[in-house]
Amino acid sequence: MKCTGNELFLDQCPHGDWEQHNCDHMEDAGVSCSPYTDGVVRLVGGDTPWEGRVEVLHNGDWGTVCDDHWRQQHAEVVCRQLGYRGHAEVVAEGMFGEGTGLILLDDVQCEGSETSLLDCRHGIWGRTDCSHSEDVGIRCRGRSSQETNEVPVIAPSTGPLVRLVGGSSRKEGRVEVYLHGDWGSICDSGWNDLNAAVVCRQLGHSGGAVAAGGFGQGKGPIHLDQVRCTGKEEFLGECPSLGLNIQGCRRREDAGVRCDVASREAAVKSKPREESCGLRKLVEVEGKPGNQGKGNMLRTTWPWQVSVWLQSQEGAGGPLCSGTLISPCWVLTSASCLSRFGSNPSIYVVQVGASEQTLKLEQVVVHRKFKGQSGGHDLAMLKLPSAKGHCVTFEPNTNAACLPAEDSAAEAKTASSCVVMVATSWTGPGL
């Protein structure tokens, strides 16, 4: 068996022919599905997931490792165990702070080819002459200008393992990553289709990918925020992000994806005249305890509804006003909503659709005849950020309201009309 760790099923790993072997039952393989087993390592106190103070688990306790005799090959072993490849280095003492509690390992002797820290020779667990000022810290990535030290035995993967949770199939769900002994989710702030493409590629899917919501909130920590993939990476660990110790990530709905959606998109493209705007979905929600006889109820989502927030106050208080998504890149809202704070797009963010995907703005356009609420023309357009002309992807939780088609309006004897409701102030807790 030659698994990389990113396969969803064991038969996806390269292996020999079925029932062809030279083994007996004394060599039967075994596993422990608990990540908290002796020898699990984690990095603590760093600004990114790939650096920090080395800690190891033994008999249910986390403890630090003394830096006596630690060199580059020791760092390579720990980085390999965590799933990283390439540059590895031991950093100066105290760079990631001093640990507390136990110092579990001392006199570690690695050759550099081991796959786990426990494969290296080491002293007796818990017996050491070190203090926490000698806790070892490492970095699993260097600057791009540094040479890498590719080691042939390293599995072809970069960064943490990834899985999808809460979906109706293995091709969709909330994205979770495994870092330092914990499965955790990703903050949906800035999450987009480019990030989704990398996640799906890492999981072995070859079709289209879209960012999606509706898969619930994870129970573990939020490991990553502001992930910024270009879409060309092979692994999520190659994408820059804010990493751990996230401040100000208000958990709304953890980042999710849908993979292998190319066939669905192709079906839409084959019917260009079929309207997809204005479609809402009905979501079945369980009846509240005490409402006997009512059972489950149907709730309607409003995928084109948008809320406008001050970026500095996102998550505190309430939004400034609402708006309506009228295309993949444009939101229609009230000009008076923005008049108090101006038309600088950098001070606003919007939550789009029932998924509450949060996006910054690229442009604010106020109607040139707007003179205040009493003067009419109370309209403004908000341009959503785009990557190569693409802004947001329509899916059940994010869709546009329907507007009259340009050609039908020109051919009609009477002008087409469209009414869009916009709340110019906000007093409620949410959409």
Protein backbone atom coordinates (compact mmCIF):
# COMPACT_ATOMS: atom_id res chain seq x y z
CA MET A 1 0.00 0.00 0.00
CA LYS A 2 1.31 3.43 -0.97
CA CYS A 3 -1.19 6.00 0.30
CA THR A 4 -0.47 9.73 0.32
CA GLY A 5 -2.99 10.39 3.12
CA ASN A 6 -5.43 12.39 0.98
CA GLU A 7 -7.38 9.44 -0.41
CA LEU A 8 -10.99 9.00 0.69
CA PHE A 9 -10.96 5.19 0.44
CA LEU A 10 -8.24 2.61 0.91
CA ASP A 11 -8.72 1.16 -2.58
CA GLN A 12 -7.77 4.55 -4.05
CA CYS A 13 -4.19 4.00 -2.85
CA PRO A 14 -1.70 2.37 -5.23
CA HIS A 15 -1.32 -1.28 -4.23
CA GLY A 16 -0.36 -4.70 -5.51
CA ASP A 17 -2.76 -7.20 -7.07
CA TRP A 18 -5.60 -8.47 -4.92
CA GLU A 19 -4.73 -11.65 -2.98
CA GLN A 20 -1.17 -11.59 -4.28
CA HIS A 21 1.24 -11.34 -1.34
CA ASN A 22 4.09 -12.98 0.56
CA CYS A 23 2.78 -12.22 4.08
CA ASP A 24 1.32 -14.27 6.90
CA HIS A 25 -1.07 -13.17 9.66
CA MET A 26 1.79 -12.23 11.95
CA GLU A 27 2.16 -9.19 9.67
CA ASP A 28 -1.47 -8.04 9.70
CA ALA A 29 -1.65 -4.21 9.66
CA GLY A 30 -3.47 -2.24 12.33
CA VAL A 31 -4.49 1.37 12.94
CA SER A 32 -5.74 3.63 15.70
CA CYS A 33 -8.40 6.08 14.53
CA SER A 34 -7.80 8.44 17.45
CA PRO A 35 -5.42 11.24 16.53
CA TYR A 36 -4.38 11.45 20.18
CA THR A 37 -1.92 8.57 20.25
CA ASP A 38 1.60 8.51 21.64
CA GLY A 39 4.04 10.29 19.38
CA VAL A 40 1.64 12.76 17.75
CA VAL A 41 3.43 16.09 17.35
CA ARG A 42 2.22 19.65 17.00
CA LEU A 43 3.73 23.13 16.55
CA VAL A 44 2.68 25.78 19.06
CA GLY A 45 3.19 29.54 19.32
CA GLY A 46 4.00 30.31 15.67
CA ASP A 47 2.35 32.86 13.39
CA THR A 48 1.63 30.19 10.74
CA PRO A 49 0.67 26.49 10.88
CA TRP A 50 4.11 25.40 9.67
CA GLU A 51 6.22 26.86 12.48
CA GLY A 52 6.30 26.79 16.26
CA ARG A 53 7.52 25.13 19.43
CA VAL A 54 7.59 21.34 19.07
CA GLU A 55 5.27 19.47 21.42
CA VAL A 56 4.69 15.71 21.56
CA LEU A 57 1.91 13.62 23.14
CA HIS A 58 2.71 10.81 25.61
CA ASN A 59 0.29 9.01 27.94
CA GLY A 60 -2.37 11.64 27.34
CA ASP A 61 -0.15 14.64 28.12
CA TRP A 62 1.39 17.20 25.79
CA GLY A 63 4.96 18.19 26.55
CA THR A 64 7.91 19.98 25.00
CA VAL A 65 11.19 18.63 23.59
CA CYS A 66 14.68 19.72 24.72
CA ASP A 67 16.77 21.27 21.94
CA ASP A 68 19.99 19.42 22.83
CA HIS A 69 21.68 18.12 19.64
CA TRP A 70 18.83 19.34 17.40
CA ARG A 71 19.86 20.02 13.81
CA GLN A 72 18.20 20.28 10.42
CA GLN A 73 17.58 16.53 10.07
CA HIS A 74 15.54 16.57 13.29
CA ALA A 75 13.36 19.37 11.90
CA GLU A 76 12.94 17.42 8.63
CA VAL A 77 11.52 14.44 10.53
CA VAL A 78 8.96 16.52 12.45
CA CYS A 79 7.93 18.45 9.32
CA ARG A 80 7.56 15.18 7.39
CA GLN A 81 5.40 13.75 10.19
CA LEU A 82 3.13 16.82 9.94
CA GLY A 83 2.80 16.44 6.16
CA TYR A 84 5.15 19.19 4.98
CA ARG A 85 7.93 18.81 2.45
CA GLY A 86 10.84 20.99 1.41
CA HIS A 87 12.79 23.35 3.64
CA ALA A 88 13.03 22.61 7.38
CA GLU A 89 15.11 24.34 10.03
CA VAL A 90 15.65 24.64 13.77
CA VAL A 91 15.11 28.21 14.99
CA ALA A 92 16.78 30.17 17.75
CA GLU A 93 15.89 29.38 21.36
CA GLY A 94 12.84 31.20 22.69
CA MET A 95 11.51 32.34 19.29
CA PHE A 96 8.13 30.70 19.95
CA GLY A 97 8.07 31.15 23.71
CA GLU A 98 8.55 28.74 26.58
CA GLY A 99 6.22 25.84 27.14
CA THR A 100 4.53 24.96 30.40
CA GLY A 101 4.13 21.61 32.10
CA LEU A 102 6.17 18.58 31.11
CA ILE A 103 9.41 18.35 29.16
CA LEU A 104 8.90 14.90 27.66
CA LEU A 105 11.90 14.23 25.41
CA ASP A 106 15.63 14.84 25.54
CA ASP A 107 18.70 13.56 23.68
CA VAL A 108 16.75 12.95 20.46
CA GLN A 109 18.97 11.44 17.75
CA CYS A 110 17.49 11.47 14.21
CA GLU A 111 19.25 10.47 11.01
CA GLY A 112 16.80 12.47 8.87
CA SER A 113 15.09 9.65 6.99
CA GLU A 114 12.60 8.71 9.76
CA THR A 115 8.87 9.23 9.18
CA SER A 116 8.07 9.96 12.83
CA LEU A 117 9.84 11.49 15.80
CA LEU A 118 9.30 8.21 17.68
CA ASP A 119 11.43 6.43 15.08
CA CYS A 120 14.42 8.47 16.31
CA ARG A 121 16.49 7.32 19.25
CA HIS A 122 15.73 9.33 22.39
CA GLY A 123 16.06 9.33 26.14
CA ILE A 124 13.56 8.01 28.67
CA TRP A 125 10.18 9.75 28.54
CA GLY A 126 10.01 12.61 31.04
CA ARG A 127 13.64 12.29 32.18
CA THR A 128 15.67 15.39 31.26
CA ASP A 129 18.14 17.94 32.61
CA CYS A 130 16.65 20.79 30.52
CA SER A 131 14.48 23.77 31.40
CA HIS A 132 11.73 25.32 29.28
CA SER A 133 14.20 27.94 28.05
CA GLU A 134 15.62 25.09 25.94
CA ASP A 135 12.33 24.05 24.30
CA VAL A 136 13.05 23.39 20.63
CA GLY A 137 11.23 25.25 17.86
CA ILE A 138 11.26 24.58 14.13
CA ARG A 139 10.05 26.06 10.84
CA CYS A 140 8.82 23.78 8.05
CA ARG A 141 8.98 26.40 5.31
CA GLY A 142 11.60 28.91 4.28
CA ARG A 143 11.53 31.93 2.02
CA SER A 144 10.90 31.22 -1.66
CA SER A 145 14.52 32.16 -2.43
CA GLN A 146 15.84 29.38 -0.21
CA GLU A 147 16.76 26.03 -1.64
CA THR A 148 14.48 23.15 -0.71
CA ASN A 149 15.72 19.87 0.63
CA GLU A 150 13.43 17.43 -1.13
CA VAL A 151 13.78 14.03 0.50
CA PRO A 152 12.77 11.05 -1.68
CA VAL A 153 10.89 9.21 1.06
CA ILE A 154 8.49 12.10 1.67
CA ALA A 155 4.92 11.44 0.59
CA PRO A 156 3.88 13.71 -2.31
CA SER A 157 1.77 16.07 -0.25
CA THR A 158 2.16 19.53 1.18
CA GLY A 159 0.59 20.84 4.35
CA PRO A 160 -2.28 19.47 6.42
CA LEU A 161 -4.75 16.76 5.50
CA VAL A 162 -8.15 17.94 4.27
CA ARG A 163 -11.62 16.41 4.53
CA LEU A 164 -15.24 17.36 3.71
CA VAL A 165 -17.88 17.06 6.43
CA GLY A 166 -21.65 17.51 6.54
CA GLY A 167 -22.43 17.10 2.85
CA SER A 168 -24.87 14.72 1.18
CA SER A 169 -22.01 13.02 -0.68
CA ARG A 170 -18.21 12.76 -0.52
CA LYS A 171 -18.02 15.53 -3.15
CA GLU A 172 -19.33 18.33 -0.94
CA GLY A 173 -19.19 19.56 2.61
CA ARG A 174 -17.59 21.81 5.19
CA VAL A 175 -13.82 21.97 4.70
CA GLU A 176 -11.81 20.77 7.67
CA VAL A 177 -8.03 20.57 8.01
CA TYR A 178 -5.96 18.50 10.42
CA LEU A 179 -3.40 20.56 12.30
CA HIS A 180 -1.52 19.74 15.49
CA GLY A 181 -3.75 16.87 16.54
CA ASP A 182 -7.10 18.56 15.86
CA TRP A 183 -9.54 18.65 12.95
CA GLY A 184 -10.69 22.25 12.54
CA SER A 185 -12.61 24.40 10.09
CA ILE A 186 -11.74 27.42 7.94
CA CYS A 187 -13.19 30.90 8.40
CA ASP A 188 -15.41 31.72 5.40
CA SER A 189 -14.15 35.31 5.20
CA GLY A 190 -12.73 35.70 1.69
CA TRP A 191 -13.47 32.07 0.78
CA ASN A 192 -14.05 31.71 -2.97
CA ASP A 193 -14.07 29.32 -5.93
CA LEU A 194 -10.29 29.47 -6.35
CA ASN A 195 -9.84 28.10 -2.84
CA ALA A 196 -12.50 25.48 -3.54
CA ALA A 197 -10.66 24.35 -6.69
CA VAL A 198 -7.50 23.65 -4.69
CA VAL A 199 -9.37 21.71 -1.99
CA CYS A 200 -11.15 19.55 -4.57
CA ARG A 201 -7.89 18.96 -6.46
CA GLN A 202 -6.14 17.85 -3.25
CA LEU A 203 -8.99 15.40 -2.58
CA GLY A 204 -8.61 13.86 -6.04
CA HIS A 205 -11.56 15.43 -7.85
CA SER A 206 -10.95 16.56 -11.42
CA GLY A 207 -14.18 18.40 -12.27
CA GLY A 208 -15.31 21.94 -11.52
CA ALA A 209 -15.38 23.30 -7.98
CA VAL A 210 -17.37 26.05 -6.27
CA ALA A 211 -17.33 27.60 -2.82
CA ALA A 212 -20.50 26.73 -0.96
CA GLY A 213 -22.19 27.01 2.40
CA GLY A 214 -24.99 25.30 4.26
CA PHE A 215 -22.95 22.50 5.82
CA GLY A 216 -23.15 23.71 9.40
CA GLN A 217 -20.53 24.82 11.89
CA GLY A 218 -17.63 22.65 12.98
CA LYS A 219 -17.13 21.65 16.61
CA GLY A 220 -13.36 22.06 16.57
CA PRO A 221 -11.18 25.18 16.35
CA ILE A 222 -10.99 27.55 13.39
CA HIS A 223 -7.56 26.74 11.99
CA LEU A 224 -7.29 29.14 9.03
CA ASP A 225 -8.61 32.54 7.95
CA GLN A 226 -8.35 34.65 4.79
CA VAL A 227 -7.08 31.78 2.64
CA ARG A 228 -5.86 33.24 -0.67
CA CYS A 229 -5.25 30.55 -3.30
CA THR A 230 -4.51 31.41 -6.92
CA GLY A 231 -6.35 28.27 -8.01
CA LYS A 232 -3.22 26.63 -9.44
CA GLU A 233 -1.91 25.09 -6.22
CA GLU A 234 -1.98 21.32 -5.79
CA PHE A 235 -2.54 21.44 -2.02
CA LEU A 236 -4.29 23.83 0.36
CA GLY A 237 -1.08 24.05 2.42
CA GLU A 238 0.56 25.93 -0.46
CA CYS A 239 -1.94 28.81 -0.24
CA PRO A 240 -1.12 31.84 1.94
CA SER A 241 -3.44 32.53 4.87
CA LEU A 242 -3.52 34.22 8.25
CA GLY A 243 -2.87 30.86 9.87
CA LEU A 244 -3.54 30.19 13.53
CA ASN A 245 -4.31 32.54 16.44
CA ILE A 246 -7.09 34.14 14.44
CA GLN A 247 -8.52 37.31 15.90
CA GLY A 248 -11.88 38.73 14.89
CA CYS A 249 -13.13 35.77 12.83
CA ARG A 250 -16.78 35.78 13.78
CA ARG A 251 -18.03 32.29 13.07
CA ARG A 252 -21.04 32.56 10.78
CA GLU A 253 -20.78 29.56 8.52
CA ASP A 254 -17.56 27.65 8.03
CA ALA A 255 -16.09 27.47 4.54
CA GLY A 256 -17.39 24.67 2.32
CA VAL A 257 -17.04 23.40 -1.23
CA ARG A 258 -18.79 21.38 -3.91
CA CYS A 259 -16.56 19.31 -6.19
CA ASP A 260 -17.09 17.82 -9.65
CA VAL A 261 -19.81 20.29 -10.61
CA ALA A 262 -18.73 20.51 -14.28
CA SER A 263 -21.55 18.30 -15.53
CA ARG A 264 -24.13 20.47 -13.80
CA GLU A 265 -22.64 23.64 -15.27
CA ALA A 266 -22.51 22.04 -18.72
CA ALA A 267 -26.21 21.27 -18.49
CA VAL A 268 -26.90 24.91 -17.71
CA LYS A 269 -24.74 26.08 -20.64
CA SER A 270 -26.58 23.76 -23.02
CA LYS A 271 -29.82 25.62 -22.22
CA PRO A 272 -28.80 29.30 -22.44
CA ARG A 273 -32.39 30.50 -22.63
CA GLU A 274 -33.36 28.83 -19.36
CA GLU A 275 -33.68 31.43 -16.60
CA SER A 276 -31.89 30.67 -13.34
CA CYS A 277 -32.38 34.04 -11.65
CA GLY A 278 -35.06 34.48 -9.04
CA LEU A 279 -34.99 30.85 -7.95
CA ARG A 280 -35.38 30.14 -4.27
CA LYS A 281 -35.05 26.86 -2.45
CA LEU A 282 -37.17 25.50 0.35
CA VAL A 283 -35.25 24.17 3.33
CA GLU A 284 -36.84 21.69 5.69
CA VAL A 285 -36.18 22.58 9.31
CA GLU A 286 -37.15 20.55 12.34
CA GLY A 287 -40.02 21.83 14.42
CA LYS A 288 -39.09 23.31 17.77
CA PRO A 289 -39.58 21.20 20.88
CA GLY A 290 -43.05 21.72 22.28
CA ASN A 291 -44.71 22.32 18.90
CA GLN A 292 -46.33 18.91 18.89
CA GLY A 293 -48.13 17.90 15.75
CA LYS A 294 -46.39 20.47 13.56
CA GLY A 295 -43.41 18.26 12.66
CA ASN A 296 -40.90 19.73 10.26
CA MET A 297 -41.53 23.04 8.51
CA LEU A 298 -40.37 24.54 5.21
CA ARG A 299 -38.33 27.74 5.34
CA THR A 300 -37.76 29.89 2.24
CA THR A 301 -34.31 31.29 1.64
CA TRP A 302 -33.66 34.59 -0.12
CA PRO A 303 -30.45 34.01 -2.05
CA TRP A 304 -30.32 37.50 -3.60
CA GLN A 305 -30.66 39.42 -0.35
CA VAL A 306 -27.52 41.28 0.70
CA SER A 307 -26.63 43.09 3.91
CA VAL A 308 -24.17 46.01 3.91
CA TRP A 309 -21.79 46.41 6.87
CA LEU A 310 -19.02 48.72 7.94
CA GLN A 311 -15.86 46.62 7.80
CA SER A 312 -14.71 47.98 11.15
CA GLN A 313 -17.96 46.90 12.81
CA GLU A 314 -18.61 43.57 11.11
CA GLY A 315 -20.09 41.22 13.66
CA ALA A 316 -20.84 44.02 16.15
CA GLY A 317 -24.25 45.65 16.25
CA GLY A 318 -26.03 45.28 12.93
CA PRO A 319 -25.68 46.05 9.22
CA LEU A 320 -26.21 49.51 7.75
CA CYS A 321 -28.87 48.44 5.26
CA SER A 322 -29.87 45.74 2.83
CA GLY A 323 -29.42 45.35 -0.91
CA THR A 324 -30.32 43.07 -3.80
CA LEU A 325 -27.93 40.97 -5.88
CA ILE A 326 -28.84 41.69 -9.53
CA SER A 327 -25.89 40.00 -11.27
CA PRO A 328 -22.80 37.99 -10.33
CA CYS A 329 -20.85 41.23 -9.83
CA TRP A 330 -23.34 43.95 -8.84
CA VAL A 331 -25.56 44.74 -5.85
CA LEU A 332 -28.31 47.38 -5.92
CA THR A 333 -28.81 49.30 -2.68
CA SER A 334 -29.82 52.70 -1.29
CA ALA A 335 -27.55 55.69 -1.81
CA SER A 336 -28.70 57.17 1.49
CA CYS A 337 -27.37 54.06 3.21
CA LEU A 338 -23.86 55.13 2.21
CA SER A 339 -24.21 58.90 2.46
CA ARG A 340 -23.11 59.06 6.09
CA PHE A 341 -19.80 57.24 5.56
CA GLY A 342 -18.95 58.11 1.94
CA SER A 343 -18.34 56.08 -1.20
CA ASN A 344 -14.91 54.63 -0.37
CA PRO A 345 -15.37 50.90 -1.08
CA SER A 346 -12.63 49.82 1.34
CA ILE A 347 -14.72 50.68 4.42
CA TYR A 348 -17.62 48.35 3.55
CA VAL A 349 -18.22 44.61 3.36
CA VAL A 350 -21.35 42.76 2.26
CA GLN A 351 -22.88 39.45 3.23
CA VAL A 352 -24.29 37.82 0.11
CA GLY A 353 -27.27 35.50 -0.09
CA ALA A 354 -28.54 32.94 2.36
CA SER A 355 -25.00 31.56 2.67
CA GLU A 356 -23.89 34.85 4.31
CA GLN A 357 -20.67 34.78 2.29
CA THR A 358 -18.71 37.92 3.25
CA LEU A 359 -17.00 39.97 0.53
CA LYS A 360 -15.17 43.26 0.35
CA LEU A 361 -16.18 45.80 -2.30
CA GLU A 362 -14.29 46.80 -5.42
CA GLN A 363 -16.32 49.88 -6.36
CA VAL A 364 -19.21 52.05 -5.13
CA VAL A 365 -21.29 53.97 -7.72
CA VAL A 366 -23.89 56.45 -6.40
CA HIS A 367 -26.59 57.79 -8.74
CA ARG A 368 -25.32 61.08 -10.15
CA LYS A 369 -28.64 62.83 -9.42
CA PHE A 370 -28.86 61.73 -5.81
CA LYS A 371 -29.16 64.80 -3.54
CA GLY A 372 -30.45 63.20 -0.36
CA GLN A 373 -33.41 61.06 0.65
CA SER A 374 -35.96 63.76 -0.20
CA GLY A 375 -34.60 64.37 -3.69
CA GLY A 376 -35.23 60.94 -5.26
CA HIS A 377 -32.74 58.85 -7.24
CA ASP A 378 -31.87 57.06 -4.00
CA LEU A 379 -29.83 54.36 -5.74
CA ALA A 380 -26.30 53.03 -5.49
CA MET A 381 -24.48 50.13 -7.11
CA LEU A 382 -21.86 48.03 -5.29
CA LYS A 383 -19.26 46.17 -7.37
CA LEU A 384 -18.16 42.83 -5.89
CA PRO A 385 -14.50 41.75 -6.16
CA SER A 386 -13.69 39.79 -9.30
CA ALA A 387 -10.97 37.38 -10.41
CA LYS A 388 -10.57 37.41 -14.21
CA GLY A 389 -14.07 38.84 -14.60
CA HIS A 390 -15.71 36.29 -12.29
CA CYS A 391 -17.27 37.51 -9.04
CA VAL A 392 -19.68 35.11 -7.29
CA THR A 393 -20.98 31.74 -8.37
CA PHE A 394 -24.73 31.21 -8.34
CA GLU A 395 -25.91 28.22 -6.30
CA PRO A 396 -28.96 27.54 -4.09
CA ASN A 397 -27.79 29.93 -1.36
CA THR A 398 -26.52 32.68 -3.68
CA ASN A 399 -28.55 33.86 -6.69
CA ALA A 400 -29.67 37.09 -8.37
CA ALA A 401 -33.10 38.61 -8.59
CA CYS A 402 -34.51 38.71 -12.12
CA LEU A 403 -34.36 41.96 -14.10
CA PRO A 404 -36.13 42.69 -17.42
CA ALA A 405 -34.03 41.55 -20.39
CA GLU A 406 -32.60 44.38 -22.48
CA ASP A 407 -34.00 43.04 -25.77
CA SER A 408 -37.48 42.48 -24.36
CA ALA A 409 -37.54 45.99 -22.93
CA ALA A 410 -36.57 47.48 -26.31
CA GLU A 411 -39.22 45.52 -28.23
CA ALA A 412 -42.06 46.12 -25.78
CA LYS A 413 -44.57 48.86 -26.48
CA THR A 414 -44.60 49.81 -22.83
CA ALA A 415 -41.51 49.99 -20.66
CA SER A 416 -40.81 47.01 -18.45
CA SER A 417 -40.80 47.68 -14.74
CA CYS A 418 -38.88 46.14 -11.89
CA VAL A 419 -39.43 46.80 -8.20
CA VAL A 420 -36.53 46.15 -5.82
CA MET A 421 -37.09 46.52 -2.08
CA VAL A 422 -34.17 48.02 -0.14
CA ALA A 423 -34.08 48.64 3.61
CA THR A 424 -32.31 51.96 4.18
CA SER A 425 -31.79 51.29 7.87
CA TRP A 426 -31.56 48.28 10.09
CA THR A 427 -32.85 47.52 13.54
CA GLY A 428 -33.14 43.76 13.53
CA PRO A 429 -30.48 41.21 14.38
CA GLY A 430 -30.05 39.87 10.86
CA LEU A 431 -31.60 38.99 7.53
